[in-house]
Amino acid sequence: MADLYQRSIEIILQNQAPSGAYIACPNMPDYAYCWFRDGAFIAHAMDLVGEHESARRFFQWGAGVVNSRAAVVERALQKAARGEALQDGDFLHTRYTLQGEEGGDDGWPNFQLDGLGTWLWAMGEHLQVTGQGAAPAEWCDAARLAARYLAGLWRLPNYDLWEEFGDRVHPYTLAAIYGGLRAHEKISGEASFAPVAARIQEFVLNEAVCDGVFVKYLDSGLAEARRLAFASKMVDASLLGLAVPYGLAPPQDKRVQATAARIEADLRHNGGGVHRYAEDTYYGGGEWLLLAAWLGWYYCSLGHKARARALLAWVTAQADEHGNLPEQTVDCLIAPEYYERWLQTRGPVAKPLLWSHAMWLVLERAIGD
């Protein structure tokens, strides 16, 4: 375990560009970019292991990306306020080159809001962990732009963190936005977005629960929130994020605990890793390492260290002889008939995935042994 600890830090640092951006995976062309989502969790892991300069450089990169697109933010907010549909050039993209340019004109599902929320959350954690106090002016400018963007667009359907179901509203995404808006106060000292965060929290807790369990996604049409039909009663492992780390609901909340129990029952088999959701077909729907670590992180928040250690041990066992962790394993697939199709289209499963290494570090630090 000590070896994987050092190796994970080494892999992340080796794959951080001079710009400060973290490449998602150096060995898969589609992942040769930096996502705000992945990068924020990676930067948080770097903060937890004392590599604060690495995290600082990522937040600096992100601030530059956001500030350089202030006109895009303003256009998006104006169109949304008028009730106009946003086109591809009207919103911030989800992945960028390591130099901070948009990630290509290839039809990628770019309208995703959770990444910026996670970036704000992680920036707030960075300032707290480092004791830095006030953020640099450039960070504050970018944080306010991002917070305004999220506060103005949170009602709109957009792609989830798996980059799917773009015509739906996702409780995980709303939780990430909530966490980001609450973190803005740590960054700027202003509580101006607290009322929006409170509305988001109220909506999720009142509308995104069915039979006591949080749902994967909802139908669009938030203007008629009380009449929303549940589009899916499936559980998604990312729903752990509502409690850890975004704090939309406490880990002890009965709905959170029921959701975690459903994740265990529906998405984890024989004490192994964790699937994304029950109908996943991406690379056949394997067990994701970062989700196993996330479940362990959640258990740590409840003091269930033995459960967390078992999940850490499973993730550790997936490392190859060079200490590289993949995105997912293919030993236990939900839809094995899809595996070959993805393999032919995109090549082998991403490895090393920096987000997997980051979540291993987060869990190792949470266990605290």
Protein backbone atom coordinates (compact mmCIF):
# COMPACT_ATOMS: atom_id res chain seq x y z
CA MET A 1 0.00 0.00 0.00
CA ALA A 2 2.84 2.40 0.78
CA ASP A 3 4.24 1.73 -2.69
CA LEU A 4 0.92 2.54 -4.36
CA TYR A 5 0.68 5.69 -2.25
CA GLN A 6 3.97 7.01 -3.60
CA ARG A 7 3.30 5.65 -7.06
CA SER A 8 -0.08 7.39 -7.25
CA ILE A 9 1.48 10.73 -6.35
CA GLU A 10 4.22 10.13 -8.89
CA ILE A 11 1.76 9.28 -11.69
CA ILE A 12 -0.29 12.39 -11.02
CA LEU A 13 2.70 14.71 -10.89
CA GLN A 14 4.23 13.19 -14.01
CA ASN A 15 0.98 13.78 -15.90
CA GLN A 16 0.47 17.38 -14.84
CA ALA A 17 1.29 19.72 -17.68
CA PRO A 18 3.47 22.82 -17.25
CA SER A 19 0.22 24.79 -17.56
CA GLY A 20 -1.10 23.16 -14.38
CA ALA A 21 -3.69 21.00 -16.16
CA TYR A 22 -3.96 17.30 -15.32
CA ILE A 23 -4.43 14.99 -18.29
CA ALA A 24 -7.22 12.50 -17.60
CA CYS A 25 -5.25 9.58 -19.05
CA PRO A 26 -2.03 9.75 -21.07
CA ASN A 27 -2.77 6.58 -23.05
CA MET A 28 -6.25 7.15 -24.50
CA PRO A 29 -6.77 9.82 -27.19
CA ASP A 30 -10.29 10.72 -26.04
CA TYR A 31 -8.94 11.31 -22.54
CA ALA A 32 -5.94 13.41 -23.57
CA TYR A 33 -7.61 16.48 -22.09
CA CYS A 34 -8.23 18.11 -18.74
CA TRP A 35 -11.71 18.02 -17.23
CA PHE A 36 -12.69 20.36 -14.42
CA ARG A 37 -14.38 17.36 -12.77
CA ASP A 38 -11.43 14.96 -12.80
CA GLY A 39 -8.95 17.73 -12.19
CA ALA A 40 -10.75 19.02 -9.12
CA PHE A 41 -10.73 15.61 -7.43
CA ILE A 42 -7.09 15.12 -8.42
CA ALA A 43 -6.14 18.52 -7.00
CA HIS A 44 -8.01 17.69 -3.79
CA ALA A 45 -6.03 14.46 -3.47
CA MET A 46 -2.82 16.42 -3.99
CA ASP A 47 -3.83 18.76 -1.18
CA LEU A 48 -4.52 15.82 1.13
CA VAL A 49 -1.02 14.40 0.56
CA GLY A 50 0.71 17.76 0.96
CA GLU A 51 1.38 18.49 -2.73
CA HIS A 52 -0.22 21.92 -2.44
CA GLU A 53 1.81 23.50 -5.22
CA SER A 54 0.46 20.96 -7.68
CA ALA A 55 -3.11 21.77 -6.62
CA ARG A 56 -2.43 25.51 -6.76
CA ARG A 57 -1.20 25.25 -10.33
CA PHE A 58 -4.39 23.42 -11.36
CA PHE A 59 -6.63 26.08 -9.82
CA GLN A 60 -4.56 28.75 -11.51
CA TRP A 61 -5.04 26.98 -14.87
CA GLY A 62 -8.78 26.71 -14.27
CA ALA A 63 -9.06 30.38 -13.36
CA GLY A 64 -7.39 31.30 -16.64
CA VAL A 65 -9.76 29.08 -18.62
CA VAL A 66 -12.86 30.57 -16.99
CA ASN A 67 -11.72 34.20 -17.04
CA SER A 68 -10.83 34.02 -20.72
CA ARG A 69 -14.43 32.98 -21.46
CA ALA A 70 -16.26 35.68 -19.52
CA ALA A 71 -18.13 36.66 -22.69
CA VAL A 72 -19.41 33.08 -23.04
CA VAL A 73 -20.70 33.14 -19.47
CA GLU A 74 -22.49 36.44 -20.02
CA ARG A 75 -24.06 35.22 -23.26
CA ALA A 76 -25.26 32.02 -21.61
CA LEU A 77 -26.82 33.88 -18.71
CA GLN A 78 -28.56 36.39 -20.97
CA LYS A 79 -29.98 33.69 -23.25
CA ALA A 80 -31.12 31.59 -20.30
CA ALA A 81 -32.81 34.61 -18.71
CA ARG A 82 -34.72 35.14 -21.97
CA GLY A 83 -35.70 31.49 -22.11
CA GLU A 84 -33.69 30.84 -25.27
CA ALA A 85 -32.06 27.46 -25.94
CA LEU A 86 -28.29 27.41 -25.56
CA GLN A 87 -26.20 26.32 -28.54
CA ASP A 88 -22.74 24.77 -28.44
CA GLY A 89 -20.97 28.12 -28.42
CA ASP A 90 -23.14 29.47 -25.61
CA PHE A 91 -21.75 27.47 -22.70
CA LEU A 92 -18.45 26.54 -21.15
CA HIS A 93 -17.12 23.24 -22.44
CA THR A 94 -16.35 20.33 -20.18
CA ARG A 95 -12.87 19.31 -21.41
CA TYR A 96 -9.93 21.42 -22.52
CA THR A 97 -6.51 20.88 -23.99
CA LEU A 98 -3.65 21.14 -21.57
CA GLN A 99 -3.10 24.65 -22.92
CA GLY A 100 -6.69 25.63 -22.06
CA GLU A 101 -8.33 25.48 -25.49
CA GLU A 102 -11.68 23.78 -26.21
CA GLY A 103 -11.30 20.05 -26.72
CA GLY A 104 -12.07 19.79 -30.41
CA ASP A 105 -15.17 20.04 -32.58
CA ASP A 106 -16.13 16.36 -32.51
CA GLY A 107 -19.64 16.38 -31.11
CA TRP A 108 -18.52 15.79 -27.52
CA PRO A 109 -21.36 16.29 -24.98
CA ASN A 110 -20.03 19.56 -23.62
CA PHE A 111 -22.91 21.03 -21.63
CA GLN A 112 -22.04 19.67 -18.19
CA LEU A 113 -22.36 21.74 -15.02
CA ASP A 114 -21.05 19.44 -12.30
CA GLY A 115 -17.37 19.96 -13.14
CA LEU A 116 -17.39 23.67 -12.36
CA GLY A 117 -19.27 23.03 -9.13
CA THR A 118 -16.64 20.48 -8.11
CA TRP A 119 -13.87 22.90 -9.09
CA LEU A 120 -15.32 25.56 -6.78
CA TRP A 121 -15.74 23.02 -3.98
CA ALA A 122 -12.14 21.83 -4.35
CA MET A 123 -10.83 25.41 -4.49
CA GLY A 124 -12.59 26.16 -1.22
CA GLU A 125 -11.03 23.04 0.33
CA HIS A 126 -7.60 24.09 -0.99
CA LEU A 127 -7.81 27.48 0.68
CA GLN A 128 -8.91 25.87 3.94
CA VAL A 129 -6.30 23.09 3.94
CA THR A 130 -3.44 25.40 3.09
CA GLY A 131 -4.57 28.17 5.44
CA GLN A 132 -4.08 30.55 2.56
CA GLY A 133 -6.93 32.83 3.55
CA ALA A 134 -8.06 35.09 0.74
CA ALA A 135 -7.81 33.69 -2.76
CA PRO A 136 -5.82 35.56 -5.41
CA ALA A 137 -7.84 38.17 -7.30
CA GLU A 138 -7.76 36.10 -10.50
CA TRP A 139 -9.24 33.12 -8.67
CA CYS A 140 -11.94 35.28 -7.10
CA ASP A 141 -12.91 36.68 -10.49
CA ALA A 142 -13.12 33.19 -11.99
CA ALA A 143 -14.98 31.80 -8.99
CA ARG A 144 -17.60 34.52 -9.21
CA LEU A 145 -18.04 33.95 -12.95
CA ALA A 146 -18.42 30.21 -12.38
CA ALA A 147 -20.84 30.71 -9.50
CA ARG A 148 -22.99 33.13 -11.52
CA TYR A 149 -22.98 30.67 -14.42
CA LEU A 150 -24.09 27.78 -12.20
CA ALA A 151 -26.67 29.84 -10.33
CA GLY A 152 -28.19 30.98 -13.62
CA LEU A 153 -28.26 27.62 -15.39
CA TRP A 154 -28.86 24.98 -12.72
CA ARG A 155 -32.48 24.48 -13.78
CA LEU A 156 -31.50 23.44 -17.32
CA PRO A 157 -31.12 19.78 -18.33
CA ASN A 158 -27.49 18.90 -19.06
CA TYR A 159 -25.20 15.89 -19.32
CA ASP A 160 -24.30 14.06 -16.11
CA LEU A 161 -20.83 13.28 -14.83
CA TRP A 162 -20.76 10.16 -17.04
CA GLU A 163 -21.50 12.47 -20.01
CA GLU A 164 -24.85 10.85 -20.71
CA PHE A 165 -28.57 11.69 -20.58
CA GLY A 166 -28.25 15.32 -21.62
CA ASP A 167 -32.03 15.86 -21.63
CA ARG A 168 -32.36 15.08 -17.93
CA VAL A 169 -31.80 16.78 -14.59
CA HIS A 170 -29.32 14.97 -12.35
CA PRO A 171 -29.31 15.07 -8.54
CA TYR A 172 -25.55 14.48 -8.52
CA THR A 173 -25.00 17.51 -10.75
CA LEU A 174 -27.25 19.63 -8.54
CA ALA A 175 -25.31 18.48 -5.48
CA ALA A 176 -22.02 19.46 -7.13
CA ILE A 177 -23.48 22.88 -7.96
CA TYR A 178 -24.73 23.20 -4.38
CA GLY A 179 -21.28 22.33 -3.02
CA GLY A 180 -19.65 24.80 -5.39
CA LEU A 181 -21.98 27.66 -4.52
CA ARG A 182 -21.50 27.06 -0.81
CA ALA A 183 -17.73 26.97 -1.32
CA HIS A 184 -17.85 30.35 -3.06
CA GLU A 185 -18.26 31.92 0.36
CA LYS A 186 -14.93 30.41 1.49
CA ILE A 187 -13.28 31.71 -1.65
CA SER A 188 -14.64 35.25 -1.71
CA GLY A 189 -16.10 35.88 1.72
CA GLU A 190 -19.47 36.60 0.09
CA ALA A 191 -22.64 34.68 0.84
CA SER A 192 -24.52 36.05 -2.17
CA PHE A 193 -25.18 32.60 -3.68
CA ALA A 194 -26.43 30.97 -0.46
CA PRO A 195 -30.13 31.51 -1.34
CA VAL A 196 -29.70 29.71 -4.69
CA ALA A 197 -27.85 26.87 -2.96
CA ALA A 198 -30.72 26.58 -0.49
CA ARG A 199 -33.26 26.34 -3.32
CA ILE A 200 -31.22 23.62 -5.00
CA GLN A 201 -30.98 21.69 -1.74
CA GLU A 202 -34.73 21.98 -1.17
CA PHE A 203 -35.47 20.80 -4.69
CA VAL A 204 -33.24 17.71 -4.45
CA LEU A 205 -34.48 16.69 -1.01
CA ASN A 206 -38.14 17.15 -1.99
CA GLU A 207 -38.22 16.08 -5.62
CA ALA A 208 -35.37 13.63 -6.25
CA VAL A 209 -36.40 10.89 -3.84
CA CYS A 210 -38.54 7.84 -4.60
CA ASP A 211 -39.33 5.16 -2.01
CA GLY A 212 -36.80 6.75 0.31
CA VAL A 213 -33.89 6.54 -2.17
CA PHE A 214 -32.36 9.28 -4.32
CA VAL A 215 -32.91 8.71 -8.04
CA LYS A 216 -30.40 8.78 -10.86
CA TYR A 217 -32.14 11.48 -12.87
CA LEU A 218 -35.40 13.36 -13.34
CA ASP A 219 -37.39 14.46 -16.34
CA SER A 220 -36.70 17.99 -17.47
CA GLY A 221 -39.13 20.82 -16.88
CA LEU A 222 -38.08 22.32 -13.58
CA ALA A 223 -40.55 25.16 -14.05
CA GLU A 224 -43.20 22.63 -12.98
CA ALA A 225 -41.10 21.06 -10.26
CA ARG A 226 -44.00 19.71 -8.23
CA ARG A 227 -45.28 17.74 -11.22
CA LEU A 228 -41.98 16.22 -12.28
CA ALA A 229 -42.26 12.58 -13.24
CA PHE A 230 -39.40 10.34 -12.24
CA ALA A 231 -37.57 9.40 -15.40
CA SER A 232 -35.49 6.79 -13.63
CA LYS A 233 -35.72 4.94 -10.36
CA MET A 234 -32.31 3.40 -10.92
CA VAL A 235 -29.65 4.18 -8.37
CA ASP A 236 -26.35 5.64 -9.53
CA ALA A 237 -23.17 5.20 -7.49
CA SER A 238 -22.30 8.87 -7.93
CA LEU A 239 -25.25 9.75 -5.66
CA LEU A 240 -22.83 9.19 -2.78
CA GLY A 241 -21.62 12.68 -3.68
CA LEU A 242 -24.79 14.24 -2.28
CA ALA A 243 -23.33 13.54 1.15
CA VAL A 244 -19.59 13.18 0.51
CA PRO A 245 -18.15 15.55 -0.44
CA TYR A 246 -20.80 18.15 -1.29
CA GLY A 247 -22.81 18.03 1.93
CA LEU A 248 -26.23 18.57 0.38
CA ALA A 249 -27.44 15.96 2.88
CA PRO A 250 -25.50 14.58 5.85
CA PRO A 251 -24.08 11.04 5.62
CA GLN A 252 -26.43 10.00 8.46
CA ASP A 253 -29.54 11.10 6.53
CA LYS A 254 -31.90 8.14 6.17
CA ARG A 255 -32.28 8.80 2.45
CA VAL A 256 -28.52 8.85 1.97
CA GLN A 257 -28.09 5.63 3.94
CA ALA A 258 -30.89 3.96 1.99
CA THR A 259 -29.22 5.06 -1.26
CA ALA A 260 -25.87 3.66 -0.14
CA ALA A 261 -27.56 0.39 0.79
CA ARG A 262 -29.16 0.23 -2.67
CA ILE A 263 -25.76 0.88 -4.27
CA GLU A 264 -24.35 -2.03 -2.29
CA ALA A 265 -27.24 -4.28 -3.29
CA ASP A 266 -27.58 -3.33 -6.95
CA LEU A 267 -24.11 -2.21 -8.02
CA ARG A 268 -21.61 -4.22 -5.97
CA HIS A 269 -21.17 -7.95 -6.26
CA ASN A 270 -19.20 -10.43 -4.14
CA GLY A 271 -17.40 -7.72 -2.21
CA GLY A 272 -15.75 -6.33 -5.32
CA GLY A 273 -15.85 -2.95 -7.00
CA VAL A 274 -18.79 -0.71 -7.81
CA HIS A 275 -20.66 -0.37 -11.11
CA ARG A 276 -21.92 3.04 -12.23
CA TYR A 277 -25.59 2.05 -12.66
CA ALA A 278 -27.54 -1.08 -13.53
CA GLU A 279 -27.96 -0.41 -17.26
CA ASP A 280 -24.42 0.76 -17.97
CA THR A 281 -22.96 -0.51 -21.26
CA TYR A 282 -19.74 1.55 -21.48
CA TYR A 283 -16.99 -1.04 -22.00
CA GLY A 284 -19.63 -3.57 -20.96
CA GLY A 285 -20.34 -1.83 -17.66
CA GLY A 286 -17.41 -2.85 -15.50
CA GLU A 287 -16.56 -2.11 -11.88
CA TRP A 288 -15.12 1.37 -11.42
CA LEU A 289 -12.18 1.85 -9.09
CA LEU A 290 -12.95 5.45 -8.27
CA LEU A 291 -16.50 4.48 -7.24
CA ALA A 292 -15.23 1.75 -4.95
CA ALA A 293 -12.98 4.33 -3.33
CA TRP A 294 -15.89 6.78 -3.16
CA LEU A 295 -18.04 4.24 -1.33
CA GLY A 296 -15.18 3.71 1.10
CA TRP A 297 -14.92 7.48 1.55
CA TYR A 298 -18.60 7.57 2.43
CA TYR A 299 -18.16 4.74 4.94
CA CYS A 300 -15.31 6.65 6.56
CA SER A 301 -17.67 9.58 7.12
CA LEU A 302 -19.81 7.22 9.22
CA GLY A 303 -16.82 5.74 11.03
CA HIS A 304 -17.12 2.36 9.27
CA LYS A 305 -13.38 1.93 8.77
CA ALA A 306 -13.44 -1.84 8.28
CA ARG A 307 -15.76 -1.51 5.27
CA ALA A 308 -13.59 1.27 3.92
CA ARG A 309 -10.41 -0.80 4.27
CA ALA A 310 -12.00 -3.68 2.34
CA LEU A 311 -12.78 -1.33 -0.54
CA LEU A 312 -9.28 0.17 -0.43
CA ALA A 313 -7.83 -3.35 -0.59
CA TRP A 314 -9.94 -4.17 -3.63
CA VAL A 315 -8.83 -1.03 -5.47
CA THR A 316 -5.21 -1.68 -4.53
CA ALA A 317 -5.43 -5.19 -5.96
CA GLN A 318 -6.35 -3.77 -9.39
CA ALA A 319 -2.97 -2.09 -9.87
CA ASP A 320 -0.74 -3.63 -12.53
CA GLU A 321 2.94 -4.48 -12.05
CA HIS A 322 3.85 -0.84 -12.65
CA GLY A 323 1.39 0.49 -10.11
CA ASN A 324 -1.07 1.81 -12.71
CA LEU A 325 -4.77 1.87 -11.83
CA PRO A 326 -7.35 1.59 -14.65
CA GLU A 327 -10.69 3.33 -14.95
CA GLN A 328 -12.65 0.09 -14.56
CA THR A 329 -12.16 -3.66 -14.51
CA VAL A 330 -13.70 -6.06 -17.05
CA ASP A 331 -13.93 -9.19 -14.90
CA CYS A 332 -17.54 -8.57 -13.88
CA LEU A 333 -19.46 -6.87 -16.68
CA ILE A 334 -23.12 -5.86 -16.68
CA ALA A 335 -23.38 -6.06 -20.48
CA PRO A 336 -20.42 -8.10 -21.78
CA GLU A 337 -21.80 -8.04 -25.34
CA TYR A 338 -20.82 -4.34 -25.55
CA TYR A 339 -17.22 -4.75 -24.44
CA GLU A 340 -15.73 -5.70 -27.81
CA ARG A 341 -17.50 -2.81 -29.53
CA TRP A 342 -15.90 -0.26 -27.21
CA LEU A 343 -12.55 -2.01 -27.42
CA GLN A 344 -12.58 -1.76 -31.23
CA THR A 345 -13.74 1.87 -31.15
CA ARG A 346 -11.55 3.34 -28.43
CA GLY A 347 -8.91 0.79 -27.54
CA PRO A 348 -8.22 -0.69 -24.10
CA VAL A 349 -9.76 0.68 -20.93
CA ALA A 350 -8.02 3.89 -19.83
CA LYS A 351 -4.92 3.20 -17.70
CA PRO A 352 -3.56 4.89 -15.73
CA LEU A 353 -6.62 6.98 -14.97
CA LEU A 354 -5.50 9.85 -12.79
CA TRP A 355 -8.93 10.12 -11.18
CA SER A 356 -8.64 6.48 -10.00
CA HIS A 357 -5.29 7.23 -8.38
CA ALA A 358 -6.68 10.41 -6.83
CA MET A 359 -9.64 8.63 -5.26
CA TRP A 360 -7.35 5.90 -3.92
CA LEU A 361 -5.36 8.64 -2.19
CA VAL A 362 -8.52 10.32 -0.89
CA LEU A 363 -9.70 7.04 0.64
CA GLU A 364 -6.28 6.19 2.06
CA ARG A 365 -6.16 9.60 3.76
CA ALA A 366 -9.77 9.25 4.99
CA ILE A 367 -8.99 5.93 6.62
CA GLY A 368 -5.97 7.56 8.20
CA ASP A 369 -4.01 4.43 9.14
